Amino acid sequence: MAWVSLLVAGLLEIVWAFSMKQSESFTRLVPSIITLVAMIGSFWLLALAMRTIPLGTAYTIWTGIGAVGAFVVGIVWLAEPVTAMRVAAAVLIVAGLVLMKISSP
């Protein structure tokens, strides 16, 4: 259950990153509210996951899901540039996440 909580926490991190961008520095009400609710949910689920999963593993995977997810969302919905270097960086992050999961007890 801890890994599911951590996965959902990471997905909520993607939501709040995207909605924060859409909030235009918290000047738009609905995206601002979505940002705050997603942040609270993300942190709460991360805290639940940390009851079982080691701190370093949980935090690394949480931020990695958020980073790669925000990267993909930026490309798909915000038309951000896709370059070989950016894709390579995302692949390295995913490789690190896999290694972190494999090495966890």
N, C-alpha and C. Protein backbone atom coordinates (compact mmCIF):
# COMPACT_ATOMS: atom_id res chain seq x y z
N MET A 1 0.82 -1.20 0.00
CA MET A 1 0.00 0.00 0.00
C MET A 1 0.86 1.27 0.00
N ALA A 2 2.03 1.19 0.63
CA ALA A 2 2.92 2.35 0.68
C ALA A 2 3.37 2.77 -0.71
N TRP A 3 3.64 1.77 -1.57
CA TRP A 3 4.10 2.09 -2.93
C TRP A 3 2.98 2.72 -3.75
N VAL A 4 1.76 2.30 -3.52
CA VAL A 4 0.62 2.91 -4.21
C VAL A 4 0.45 4.36 -3.74
N SER A 5 0.57 4.57 -2.44
CA SER A 5 0.50 5.94 -1.90
C SER A 5 1.58 6.81 -2.50
N LEU A 6 2.78 6.26 -2.62
CA LEU A 6 3.89 7.02 -3.19
C LEU A 6 3.66 7.34 -4.67
N LEU A 7 3.13 6.39 -5.41
CA LEU A 7 2.82 6.62 -6.82
C LEU A 7 1.77 7.73 -6.97
N VAL A 8 0.71 7.65 -6.20
CA VAL A 8 -0.34 8.68 -6.28
C VAL A 8 0.21 10.03 -5.83
N ALA A 9 1.05 10.04 -4.81
CA ALA A 9 1.69 11.28 -4.37
C ALA A 9 2.50 11.90 -5.50
N GLY A 10 3.23 11.07 -6.22
CA GLY A 10 4.00 11.56 -7.36
C GLY A 10 3.11 12.09 -8.47
N LEU A 11 2.01 11.42 -8.74
CA LEU A 11 1.07 11.90 -9.75
C LEU A 11 0.45 13.24 -9.34
N LEU A 12 0.14 13.37 -8.05
CA LEU A 12 -0.39 14.65 -7.57
C LEU A 12 0.66 15.76 -7.66
N GLU A 13 1.92 15.39 -7.55
CA GLU A 13 2.98 16.38 -7.72
C GLU A 13 2.96 16.92 -9.15
N ILE A 14 2.71 16.06 -10.11
CA ILE A 14 2.59 16.50 -11.51
C ILE A 14 1.40 17.44 -11.65
N VAL A 15 0.28 17.08 -11.02
CA VAL A 15 -0.92 17.92 -11.09
C VAL A 15 -0.64 19.30 -10.53
N TRP A 16 0.00 19.35 -9.34
CA TRP A 16 0.20 20.68 -8.76
C TRP A 16 1.23 21.50 -9.53
N ALA A 17 2.20 20.84 -10.12
CA ALA A 17 3.17 21.60 -10.92
C ALA A 17 2.49 22.22 -12.14
N PHE A 18 1.66 21.43 -12.82
CA PHE A 18 0.95 21.93 -13.99
C PHE A 18 -0.06 23.02 -13.61
N SER A 19 -0.82 22.78 -12.56
CA SER A 19 -1.82 23.78 -12.17
C SER A 19 -1.17 25.05 -11.64
N MET A 20 0.02 24.93 -11.04
CA MET A 20 0.73 26.13 -10.61
C MET A 20 1.10 26.98 -11.82
N LYS A 21 1.56 26.33 -12.87
CA LYS A 21 1.88 27.05 -14.11
C LYS A 21 0.62 27.73 -14.65
N GLN A 22 -0.50 27.01 -14.62
CA GLN A 22 -1.75 27.55 -15.12
C GLN A 22 -2.31 28.67 -14.24
N SER A 23 -1.90 28.71 -12.97
CA SER A 23 -2.41 29.73 -12.05
C SER A 23 -1.85 31.12 -12.33
N GLU A 24 -0.82 31.18 -13.17
CA GLU A 24 -0.17 32.45 -13.51
C GLU A 24 0.20 33.24 -12.24
N SER A 25 1.10 32.61 -11.47
CA SER A 25 1.59 33.18 -10.20
C SER A 25 0.46 33.41 -9.20
N PHE A 26 -0.44 32.45 -9.13
CA PHE A 26 -1.57 32.46 -8.20
C PHE A 26 -2.51 33.65 -8.41
N THR A 27 -2.64 34.09 -9.65
CA THR A 27 -3.57 35.17 -9.97
C THR A 27 -4.90 34.63 -10.52
N ARG A 28 -4.97 33.33 -10.81
CA ARG A 28 -6.21 32.70 -11.29
C ARG A 28 -6.70 31.75 -10.20
N LEU A 29 -7.95 31.93 -9.79
CA LEU A 29 -8.48 31.23 -8.61
C LEU A 29 -8.52 29.71 -8.75
N VAL A 30 -9.16 29.18 -9.78
CA VAL A 30 -9.35 27.73 -9.88
C VAL A 30 -8.02 26.97 -9.96
N PRO A 31 -7.11 27.37 -10.85
CA PRO A 31 -5.82 26.65 -10.85
C PRO A 31 -5.05 26.81 -9.53
N SER A 32 -5.22 27.93 -8.87
CA SER A 32 -4.55 28.13 -7.58
C SER A 32 -5.09 27.17 -6.53
N ILE A 33 -6.41 26.99 -6.51
CA ILE A 33 -7.02 26.05 -5.56
C ILE A 33 -6.60 24.63 -5.87
N ILE A 34 -6.60 24.26 -7.15
CA ILE A 34 -6.16 22.92 -7.54
C ILE A 34 -4.72 22.68 -7.10
N THR A 35 -3.88 23.69 -7.27
CA THR A 35 -2.48 23.58 -6.85
C THR A 35 -2.38 23.28 -5.37
N LEU A 36 -3.08 24.05 -4.56
CA LEU A 36 -2.98 23.88 -3.10
C LEU A 36 -3.55 22.53 -2.65
N VAL A 37 -4.68 22.13 -3.21
CA VAL A 37 -5.27 20.84 -2.83
C VAL A 37 -4.36 19.68 -3.25
N ALA A 38 -3.83 19.75 -4.47
CA ALA A 38 -2.94 18.69 -4.94
C ALA A 38 -1.65 18.64 -4.11
N MET A 39 -1.14 19.80 -3.72
CA MET A 39 0.06 19.83 -2.87
C MET A 39 -0.19 19.15 -1.54
N ILE A 40 -1.30 19.51 -0.91
CA ILE A 40 -1.62 18.91 0.39
C ILE A 40 -1.77 17.40 0.25
N GLY A 41 -2.51 16.97 -0.76
CA GLY A 41 -2.68 15.52 -0.98
C GLY A 41 -1.36 14.83 -1.26
N SER A 42 -0.53 15.44 -2.07
CA SER A 42 0.76 14.86 -2.41
C SER A 42 1.65 14.70 -1.18
N PHE A 43 1.73 15.76 -0.38
CA PHE A 43 2.56 15.69 0.83
C PHE A 43 2.02 14.67 1.83
N TRP A 44 0.70 14.62 1.97
CA TRP A 44 0.07 13.69 2.90
C TRP A 44 0.36 12.24 2.49
N LEU A 45 0.18 11.94 1.20
CA LEU A 45 0.46 10.59 0.73
C LEU A 45 1.94 10.24 0.82
N LEU A 46 2.80 11.22 0.56
CA LEU A 46 4.24 10.99 0.74
C LEU A 46 4.54 10.65 2.19
N ALA A 47 3.94 11.38 3.10
CA ALA A 47 4.15 11.10 4.53
C ALA A 47 3.68 9.70 4.90
N LEU A 48 2.53 9.29 4.36
CA LEU A 48 2.04 7.93 4.62
C LEU A 48 3.02 6.89 4.09
N ALA A 49 3.52 7.11 2.88
CA ALA A 49 4.46 6.16 2.28
C ALA A 49 5.74 6.06 3.10
N MET A 50 6.15 7.18 3.68
CA MET A 50 7.39 7.19 4.46
C MET A 50 7.29 6.42 5.77
N ARG A 51 6.10 6.01 6.14
CA ARG A 51 5.98 5.15 7.33
C ARG A 51 6.66 3.81 7.10
N THR A 52 6.68 3.38 5.83
CA THR A 52 7.23 2.07 5.48
C THR A 52 8.47 2.16 4.60
N ILE A 53 8.44 3.06 3.64
CA ILE A 53 9.53 3.18 2.67
C ILE A 53 10.60 4.11 3.25
N PRO A 54 11.87 3.77 3.12
CA PRO A 54 12.94 4.64 3.64
C PRO A 54 12.87 6.05 3.04
N LEU A 55 13.25 7.03 3.82
CA LEU A 55 13.20 8.44 3.43
C LEU A 55 13.84 8.70 2.08
N GLY A 56 15.08 8.27 1.92
CA GLY A 56 15.80 8.54 0.67
C GLY A 56 15.12 7.94 -0.54
N THR A 57 14.62 6.73 -0.39
CA THR A 57 13.92 6.07 -1.49
C THR A 57 12.62 6.78 -1.81
N ALA A 58 11.80 7.03 -0.79
CA ALA A 58 10.50 7.67 -1.00
C ALA A 58 10.65 9.05 -1.63
N TYR A 59 11.54 9.85 -1.09
CA TYR A 59 11.70 11.21 -1.59
C TYR A 59 12.25 11.21 -3.01
N THR A 60 13.20 10.35 -3.29
CA THR A 60 13.78 10.28 -4.63
C THR A 60 12.72 9.87 -5.66
N ILE A 61 11.95 8.87 -5.34
CA ILE A 61 10.93 8.41 -6.28
C ILE A 61 9.82 9.45 -6.44
N TRP A 62 9.41 10.08 -5.36
CA TRP A 62 8.38 11.12 -5.42
C TRP A 62 8.82 12.28 -6.32
N THR A 63 10.01 12.78 -6.09
CA THR A 63 10.48 13.90 -6.91
C THR A 63 10.74 13.47 -8.34
N GLY A 64 11.20 12.22 -8.53
CA GLY A 64 11.45 11.73 -9.88
C GLY A 64 10.18 11.61 -10.69
N ILE A 65 9.13 11.06 -10.07
CA ILE A 65 7.84 10.98 -10.76
C ILE A 65 7.37 12.38 -11.13
N GLY A 66 7.49 13.30 -10.20
CA GLY A 66 7.08 14.68 -10.47
C GLY A 66 7.90 15.33 -11.56
N ALA A 67 9.20 15.13 -11.53
CA ALA A 67 10.07 15.76 -12.52
C ALA A 67 9.82 15.23 -13.92
N VAL A 68 9.80 13.91 -14.06
CA VAL A 68 9.59 13.32 -15.38
C VAL A 68 8.16 13.58 -15.85
N GLY A 69 7.22 13.49 -14.94
CA GLY A 69 5.83 13.75 -15.30
C GLY A 69 5.62 15.19 -15.75
N ALA A 70 6.21 16.14 -15.04
CA ALA A 70 6.10 17.54 -15.44
C ALA A 70 6.78 17.79 -16.78
N PHE A 71 7.87 17.09 -17.02
CA PHE A 71 8.56 17.17 -18.30
C PHE A 71 7.64 16.72 -19.43
N VAL A 72 6.99 15.58 -19.24
CA VAL A 72 6.08 15.05 -20.26
C VAL A 72 4.87 15.96 -20.44
N VAL A 73 4.29 16.42 -19.36
CA VAL A 73 3.14 17.34 -19.44
C VAL A 73 3.54 18.62 -20.17
N GLY A 74 4.72 19.12 -19.89
CA GLY A 74 5.20 20.32 -20.57
C GLY A 74 5.30 20.12 -22.08
N ILE A 75 5.75 18.96 -22.48
CA ILE A 75 5.86 18.67 -23.91
C ILE A 75 4.48 18.49 -24.54
N VAL A 76 3.64 17.69 -23.89
CA VAL A 76 2.34 17.33 -24.48
C VAL A 76 1.35 18.49 -24.46
N TRP A 77 1.22 19.17 -23.33
CA TRP A 77 0.18 20.19 -23.20
C TRP A 77 0.68 21.63 -23.33
N LEU A 78 1.96 21.86 -23.13
CA LEU A 78 2.46 23.23 -23.16
C LEU A 78 3.40 23.49 -24.34
N ALA A 79 3.54 22.50 -25.20
CA ALA A 79 4.38 22.62 -26.40
C ALA A 79 5.81 23.04 -26.08
N GLU A 80 6.35 22.52 -24.97
CA GLU A 80 7.74 22.81 -24.63
C GLU A 80 8.65 22.02 -25.57
N PRO A 81 9.86 22.48 -25.78
CA PRO A 81 10.74 21.84 -26.76
C PRO A 81 11.18 20.43 -26.34
N VAL A 82 11.29 19.57 -27.35
CA VAL A 82 11.81 18.22 -27.16
C VAL A 82 13.19 18.20 -27.81
N THR A 83 14.21 18.06 -26.99
CA THR A 83 15.56 17.97 -27.52
C THR A 83 16.18 16.66 -27.04
N ALA A 84 17.18 16.23 -27.73
CA ALA A 84 17.85 14.98 -27.35
C ALA A 84 18.40 15.07 -25.93
N MET A 85 18.95 16.20 -25.57
CA MET A 85 19.54 16.37 -24.24
C MET A 85 18.46 16.29 -23.14
N ARG A 86 17.31 16.91 -23.38
CA ARG A 86 16.22 16.87 -22.39
C ARG A 86 15.67 15.46 -22.25
N VAL A 87 15.50 14.76 -23.37
CA VAL A 87 15.01 13.39 -23.32
C VAL A 87 16.02 12.49 -22.61
N ALA A 88 17.29 12.66 -22.90
CA ALA A 88 18.33 11.87 -22.23
C ALA A 88 18.31 12.11 -20.73
N ALA A 89 18.12 13.35 -20.32
CA ALA A 89 18.04 13.65 -18.89
C ALA A 89 16.86 12.94 -18.25
N ALA A 90 15.71 12.95 -18.92
CA ALA A 90 14.52 12.27 -18.39
C ALA A 90 14.76 10.76 -18.31
N VAL A 91 15.41 10.20 -19.31
CA VAL A 91 15.71 8.76 -19.30
C VAL A 91 16.63 8.42 -18.12
N LEU A 92 17.60 9.26 -17.86
CA LEU A 92 18.50 9.02 -16.73
C LEU A 92 17.75 9.09 -15.40
N ILE A 93 16.80 10.01 -15.30
CA ILE A 93 15.99 10.10 -14.07
C ILE A 93 15.19 8.81 -13.89
N VAL A 94 14.56 8.35 -14.94
CA VAL A 94 13.78 7.11 -14.86
C VAL A 94 14.68 5.94 -14.50
N ALA A 95 15.87 5.87 -15.08
CA ALA A 95 16.80 4.80 -14.72
C ALA A 95 17.16 4.86 -13.24
N GLY A 96 17.36 6.05 -12.73
CA GLY A 96 17.65 6.21 -11.32
C GLY A 96 16.48 5.76 -10.44
N LEU A 97 15.27 6.05 -10.87
CA LEU A 97 14.09 5.63 -10.12
C LEU A 97 13.99 4.10 -10.08
N VAL A 98 14.23 3.48 -11.22
CA VAL A 98 14.19 2.01 -11.27
C VAL A 98 15.25 1.42 -10.36
N LEU A 99 16.44 1.95 -10.40
CA LEU A 99 17.50 1.44 -9.53
C LEU A 99 17.17 1.66 -8.05
N MET A 100 16.57 2.80 -7.74
CA MET A 100 16.19 3.08 -6.35
C MET A 100 15.13 2.09 -5.87
N LYS A 101 14.16 1.80 -6.73
CA LYS A 101 13.10 0.84 -6.36
C LYS A 101 13.69 -0.56 -6.19
N ILE A 102 14.55 -0.95 -7.12
CA ILE A 102 15.16 -2.30 -7.04
C ILE A 102 16.00 -2.46 -5.78
N SER A 103 16.66 -1.40 -5.39
CA SER A 103 17.56 -1.49 -4.23
C SER A 103 16.86 -1.32 -2.90
N SER A 104 15.56 -1.04 -2.90
CA SER A 104 14.82 -0.84 -1.65
C SER A 104 14.42 -2.17 -1.04
N PRO A 105 14.43 -2.19 0.27
CA PRO A 105 14.04 -3.43 0.96
C PRO A 105 12.55 -3.72 0.82
